[in-house]
Amino acid sequence: MRNTGKPVRVLIYIGLVAWALINLFPIYWMFTFSLKDNAEIFGENVAGLPQHWLWSNYATALKSGKMGLYFLNSGIVAVATILITLALALLATFALTRMVWKRQHAVNRFFMLGLTIPIHASIVPVYVTLSRLHLLNTYWALIIPYAAFSLSMAILVCTGFMNKIPREMDESACIDGCGTWGIFFRIIVPLMRPAVATVGIYTFLQCWNELMFANVFISRTALKTLPVGIQALSGQYTTAWGPIGAALVLSTFPTLFIYFFLSKKIQESFIAGAVKG
């Protein structure tokens, strides 16, 4: 960028600003959508500001739509899934990259096979398994499949980052009297924070936005997650789209909030995984 001329830099900045506005437009549209009634949504004022700002749509979504309950359920499932996925991924990656044992590479390839399996292609065998284990209509009916299908990507991300940590640090810690668990918790885990942030956001998005499993494995209203709750706001004969827009805005806030605080860690993880040598 420094070696380019000023006109070129101006054009680049204009292009970046235009690209940012294009990506921000859906958020703007969704916000204005959430403050309109059906007549205005399907009228001529599709993308403009609301003529009447219907903040009551948010109250309707929270009270009549039970968004608070669905938020809580999605939060419980997401947090539990992230913790389980991170714990298993870090332990598995440590064993695959820091230890030498028989069939090590075969096990790694087995984990990577999970990347080739579409999550919803397994809905029937997963349903049968959960039914036999009497786990349907529980939080575990979602937590276990979400964690299982997130594990392969988590191990892939953690492996690329952990391989960049010098093994000399392990040897120095071992000389100082640190055991295997000490090396893992005191050396490896603190240095894996960028990868942890990346896996955390990836896993969060996977389970926060997932609809099919949540719709099939959970039938009790008290345990339904946010995507299913938003879908339930659509009526059989008529639908008030304003409250649905409000629910969509509310469901987007956690994702934006988490990414805002962890974006730097994600960039560090991508850089560490890309620069090898």
Protein backbone atom coordinates (compact mmCIF):
# COMPACT_ATOMS: atom_id res chain seq x y z
CA MET A 1 0.00 0.00 0.00
CA ARG A 2 2.87 2.42 0.78
CA ASN A 3 4.49 1.85 -2.62
CA THR A 4 1.33 2.72 -4.56
CA GLY A 5 0.45 6.21 -5.69
CA LYS A 6 -2.10 8.42 -3.97
CA PRO A 7 -4.79 8.02 -6.71
CA VAL A 8 -4.51 4.23 -6.43
CA ARG A 9 -4.86 4.36 -2.64
CA VAL A 10 -7.92 6.60 -2.96
CA LEU A 11 -9.53 4.14 -5.36
CA ILE A 12 -8.74 1.26 -3.02
CA TYR A 13 -10.28 3.07 -0.04
CA ILE A 14 -13.37 3.97 -2.08
CA GLY A 15 -13.72 0.33 -3.10
CA LEU A 16 -13.36 -0.85 0.49
CA VAL A 17 -15.93 1.66 1.74
CA ALA A 18 -18.35 0.61 -0.99
CA TRP A 19 -17.82 -3.05 -0.12
CA ALA A 20 -18.42 -2.31 3.58
CA LEU A 21 -21.67 -0.47 2.80
CA ILE A 22 -22.87 -3.36 0.64
CA ASN A 23 -22.24 -5.78 3.49
CA LEU A 24 -23.85 -3.48 6.07
CA PHE A 25 -26.99 -2.91 4.01
CA PRO A 26 -28.67 -6.22 5.03
CA ILE A 27 -28.26 -5.25 8.71
CA TYR A 28 -29.78 -1.82 8.02
CA TRP A 29 -32.63 -3.39 6.06
CA MET A 30 -33.35 -5.95 8.77
CA PHE A 31 -33.42 -3.23 11.45
CA THR A 32 -35.84 -1.01 9.50
CA PHE A 33 -37.86 -4.11 8.59
CA SER A 34 -38.33 -4.85 12.29
CA LEU A 35 -39.95 -1.45 12.91
CA LYS A 36 -42.63 -1.62 10.21
CA ASP A 37 -46.06 -3.19 9.84
CA ASN A 38 -47.12 -5.50 7.04
CA ALA A 39 -48.62 -2.71 4.94
CA GLU A 40 -45.35 -0.79 4.93
CA ILE A 41 -43.18 -3.88 4.47
CA PHE A 42 -45.05 -4.98 1.36
CA GLY A 43 -45.70 -1.45 0.14
CA GLU A 44 -43.48 0.92 -1.77
CA ASN A 45 -41.33 1.83 1.26
CA VAL A 46 -39.39 -1.43 1.25
CA ALA A 47 -35.86 -0.18 2.01
CA GLY A 48 -36.63 3.26 3.42
CA LEU A 49 -36.94 4.35 7.03
CA PRO A 50 -40.24 3.47 8.74
CA GLN A 51 -42.98 6.08 8.61
CA HIS A 52 -44.15 4.89 12.03
CA TRP A 53 -41.45 3.42 14.26
CA LEU A 54 -43.15 0.36 15.77
CA TRP A 55 -40.95 -0.43 18.75
CA SER A 56 -43.86 -2.52 19.97
CA ASN A 57 -42.69 -5.23 17.55
CA TYR A 58 -39.82 -5.94 19.94
CA ALA A 59 -42.18 -6.19 22.90
CA THR A 60 -44.36 -8.58 20.91
CA ALA A 61 -41.38 -10.74 20.00
CA LEU A 62 -40.14 -10.90 23.59
CA LYS A 63 -43.50 -11.48 25.28
CA SER A 64 -45.87 -13.18 22.85
CA GLY A 65 -43.08 -14.85 20.90
CA LYS A 66 -41.27 -16.08 24.05
CA MET A 67 -37.94 -14.92 22.65
CA GLY A 68 -36.50 -14.64 26.15
CA LEU A 69 -37.04 -18.36 26.76
CA TYR A 70 -35.66 -19.32 23.36
CA PHE A 71 -32.64 -17.07 23.94
CA LEU A 72 -31.93 -18.86 27.20
CA ASN A 73 -32.22 -22.30 25.60
CA SER A 74 -29.96 -21.34 22.69
CA GLY A 75 -27.46 -19.84 25.14
CA ILE A 76 -27.33 -23.01 27.24
CA VAL A 77 -26.88 -25.23 24.19
CA ALA A 78 -24.27 -22.93 22.63
CA VAL A 79 -22.14 -22.51 25.77
CA ALA A 80 -22.20 -26.23 26.59
CA THR A 81 -21.35 -27.15 22.98
CA ILE A 82 -18.45 -24.69 22.84
CA LEU A 83 -16.96 -25.89 26.12
CA ILE A 84 -17.19 -29.57 25.16
CA THR A 85 -15.84 -28.96 21.65
CA LEU A 86 -12.91 -26.89 22.89
CA ALA A 87 -11.99 -29.38 25.62
CA LEU A 88 -12.04 -32.37 23.26
CA ALA A 89 -10.35 -30.50 20.41
CA LEU A 90 -7.47 -29.19 22.54
CA LEU A 91 -6.85 -32.59 24.13
CA ALA A 92 -7.04 -34.41 20.81
CA THR A 93 -4.78 -31.88 19.08
CA PHE A 94 -2.23 -32.09 21.89
CA ALA A 95 -2.12 -35.87 21.52
CA LEU A 96 -1.89 -35.68 17.72
CA THR A 97 0.81 -33.01 17.50
CA ARG A 98 2.89 -33.35 20.70
CA MET A 99 2.94 -37.11 21.25
CA VAL A 100 4.20 -40.05 19.22
CA TRP A 101 2.08 -43.19 19.25
CA LYS A 102 0.93 -45.98 16.97
CA ARG A 103 -1.82 -45.18 14.41
CA GLN A 104 -1.43 -41.49 15.16
CA HIS A 105 -1.88 -40.36 11.56
CA ALA A 106 -4.74 -42.79 10.97
CA VAL A 107 -6.63 -41.30 13.90
CA ASN A 108 -6.01 -37.80 12.56
CA ARG A 109 -7.39 -38.81 9.15
CA PHE A 110 -10.40 -40.35 10.88
CA PHE A 111 -11.14 -37.04 12.57
CA MET A 112 -10.77 -35.18 9.28
CA LEU A 113 -13.37 -37.46 7.67
CA GLY A 114 -15.92 -35.60 9.74
CA LEU A 115 -15.44 -32.59 7.47
CA THR A 116 -16.85 -34.56 4.54
CA ILE A 117 -20.12 -35.56 6.25
CA PRO A 118 -23.00 -33.07 5.88
CA ILE A 119 -24.53 -32.58 9.31
CA HIS A 120 -28.12 -33.04 8.13
CA ALA A 121 -27.34 -36.18 6.12
CA SER A 122 -27.09 -38.06 9.43
CA ILE A 123 -30.37 -36.85 10.91
CA VAL A 124 -32.06 -40.29 10.81
CA PRO A 125 -29.30 -42.36 12.51
CA VAL A 126 -28.70 -39.58 15.04
CA TYR A 127 -32.44 -39.45 15.81
CA VAL A 128 -32.60 -43.23 16.30
CA THR A 129 -29.53 -43.19 18.55
CA LEU A 130 -30.84 -40.35 20.69
CA SER A 131 -34.23 -42.04 20.95
CA ARG A 132 -32.68 -45.29 22.20
CA LEU A 133 -30.63 -43.33 24.72
CA HIS A 134 -33.79 -41.48 25.85
CA LEU A 135 -32.16 -38.13 25.13
CA LEU A 136 -34.82 -36.63 22.88
CA ASN A 137 -36.42 -33.46 24.25
CA THR A 138 -33.37 -32.69 26.36
CA TYR A 139 -30.56 -30.21 25.90
CA TRP A 140 -28.20 -33.13 25.26
CA ALA A 141 -30.15 -34.02 22.12
CA LEU A 142 -28.63 -30.90 20.56
CA ILE A 143 -25.39 -30.51 22.50
CA ILE A 144 -23.98 -33.95 21.62
CA PRO A 145 -24.58 -33.77 17.81
CA TYR A 146 -23.45 -30.14 17.61
CA ALA A 147 -20.22 -30.89 19.46
CA ALA A 148 -19.58 -34.04 17.42
CA PHE A 149 -19.98 -32.28 14.08
CA SER A 150 -17.91 -29.28 15.20
CA LEU A 151 -15.02 -31.39 16.43
CA SER A 152 -13.34 -32.04 13.08
CA MET A 153 -13.10 -28.37 12.14
CA ALA A 154 -11.97 -27.52 15.67
CA ILE A 155 -9.14 -30.06 15.50
CA LEU A 156 -8.13 -28.79 12.06
CA VAL A 157 -7.89 -25.19 13.30
CA CYS A 158 -6.11 -26.14 16.53
CA THR A 159 -3.64 -28.41 14.71
CA GLY A 160 -2.53 -25.65 12.36
CA PHE A 161 -1.96 -23.30 15.28
CA MET A 162 -0.39 -25.78 17.71
CA ASN A 163 2.17 -26.86 15.12
CA LYS A 164 3.49 -23.27 15.17
CA ILE A 165 4.29 -23.46 18.88
CA PRO A 166 8.00 -24.40 19.21
CA ARG A 167 8.58 -27.80 20.75
CA GLU A 168 11.56 -26.34 22.58
CA MET A 169 9.07 -24.73 24.96
CA ASP A 170 7.78 -28.18 25.89
CA GLU A 171 11.32 -29.43 26.44
CA SER A 172 12.23 -26.43 28.60
CA ALA A 173 9.13 -26.92 30.72
CA CYS A 174 9.89 -30.62 31.06
CA ILE A 175 13.45 -29.86 32.22
CA ASP A 176 11.99 -27.50 34.84
CA GLY A 177 9.93 -30.39 36.20
CA CYS A 178 6.67 -29.80 34.39
CA GLY A 179 4.70 -32.95 33.55
CA THR A 180 2.45 -33.66 30.57
CA TRP A 181 -0.61 -32.00 32.09
CA GLY A 182 1.49 -29.09 33.28
CA ILE A 183 2.82 -28.51 29.76
CA PHE A 184 -0.71 -28.70 28.38
CA PHE A 185 -2.36 -26.31 30.83
CA ARG A 186 0.54 -23.92 31.53
CA ILE A 187 2.24 -23.73 28.12
CA ILE A 188 -0.04 -24.89 25.32
CA VAL A 189 -3.49 -23.70 26.35
CA PRO A 190 -2.49 -20.06 27.10
CA LEU A 191 -0.77 -19.82 23.71
CA MET A 192 -3.82 -21.26 21.93
CA ARG A 193 -6.13 -18.35 22.70
CA PRO A 194 -6.44 -17.14 19.07
CA ALA A 195 -7.34 -20.65 17.93
CA VAL A 196 -9.76 -21.00 20.85
CA ALA A 197 -11.47 -17.78 19.79
CA THR A 198 -11.78 -19.02 16.20
CA VAL A 199 -13.19 -22.39 17.23
CA GLY A 200 -15.50 -20.71 19.72
CA ILE A 201 -17.05 -18.40 17.13
CA TYR A 202 -17.29 -21.14 14.50
CA THR A 203 -19.00 -23.51 16.94
CA PHE A 204 -21.26 -20.75 18.22
CA LEU A 205 -22.47 -19.90 14.73
CA GLN A 206 -23.03 -23.57 13.94
CA CYS A 207 -25.33 -24.24 16.88
CA TRP A 208 -26.86 -20.74 17.22
CA ASN A 209 -28.23 -20.77 13.66
CA GLU A 210 -28.99 -24.48 13.27
CA LEU A 211 -32.67 -25.27 12.63
CA MET A 212 -33.15 -28.84 11.37
CA PHE A 213 -31.81 -30.76 14.40
CA ALA A 214 -33.48 -28.33 16.80
CA ASN A 215 -36.80 -28.76 15.00
CA VAL A 216 -36.67 -32.55 14.88
CA PHE A 217 -35.05 -33.50 18.18
CA ILE A 218 -36.95 -31.01 20.39
CA SER A 219 -40.73 -30.87 20.51
CA ARG A 220 -41.23 -29.37 23.97
CA THR A 221 -41.84 -25.62 23.84
CA ALA A 222 -39.84 -25.08 27.03
CA LEU A 223 -36.68 -26.44 25.35
CA LYS A 224 -36.94 -24.96 21.85
CA THR A 225 -34.07 -22.84 20.59
CA LEU A 226 -34.12 -19.45 18.89
CA PRO A 227 -34.35 -20.51 15.20
CA VAL A 228 -37.32 -22.76 15.98
CA GLY A 229 -38.93 -19.99 18.03
CA ILE A 230 -38.55 -17.48 15.19
CA GLN A 231 -40.06 -19.99 12.78
CA ALA A 232 -43.02 -20.43 15.13
CA LEU A 233 -43.84 -16.71 14.85
CA SER A 234 -45.13 -17.36 11.33
CA GLY A 235 -48.88 -17.90 11.48
CA GLN A 236 -50.91 -20.50 9.59
CA TYR A 237 -53.11 -18.01 7.75
CA THR A 238 -51.53 -14.62 8.38
CA THR A 239 -48.16 -13.47 9.65
CA ALA A 240 -47.06 -10.26 11.36
CA TRP A 241 -43.62 -9.82 9.81
CA GLY A 242 -42.55 -6.92 12.00
CA PRO A 243 -42.13 -9.05 15.17
CA ILE A 244 -40.25 -11.65 13.11
CA GLY A 245 -37.85 -8.93 11.98
CA ALA A 246 -37.47 -7.82 15.59
CA ALA A 247 -36.67 -11.40 16.64
CA LEU A 248 -34.08 -11.64 13.86
CA VAL A 249 -32.42 -8.42 15.02
CA LEU A 250 -32.30 -9.68 18.61
CA SER A 251 -30.86 -13.02 17.50
CA THR A 252 -28.10 -11.23 15.55
CA PHE A 253 -26.80 -9.19 18.50
CA PRO A 254 -24.92 -12.03 20.26
CA THR A 255 -23.05 -12.92 17.07
CA LEU A 256 -21.99 -9.31 16.44
CA PHE A 257 -21.10 -8.83 20.11
CA ILE A 258 -18.88 -11.92 20.28
CA TYR A 259 -17.14 -11.23 16.98
CA PHE A 260 -16.50 -7.60 17.99
CA PHE A 261 -14.46 -8.72 21.01
CA LEU A 262 -12.79 -11.77 19.44
CA SER A 263 -12.09 -10.59 15.89
CA LYS A 264 -8.43 -9.77 16.64
CA LYS A 265 -7.85 -13.27 18.02
CA ILE A 266 -9.39 -14.79 14.91
CA GLN A 267 -7.10 -12.77 12.65
CA GLU A 268 -4.09 -13.92 14.69
CA SER A 269 -5.19 -17.52 14.29
CA PHE A 270 -5.60 -17.22 10.52
CA ILE A 271 -2.17 -15.58 10.20
CA ALA A 272 -0.53 -18.24 12.34
CA GLY A 273 -2.15 -21.01 10.33
CA ALA A 274 -1.22 -19.45 6.99
CA VAL A 275 2.43 -18.56 7.67
CA LYS A 276 4.43 -21.76 7.79
CA GLY A 277 8.09 -22.43 7.33
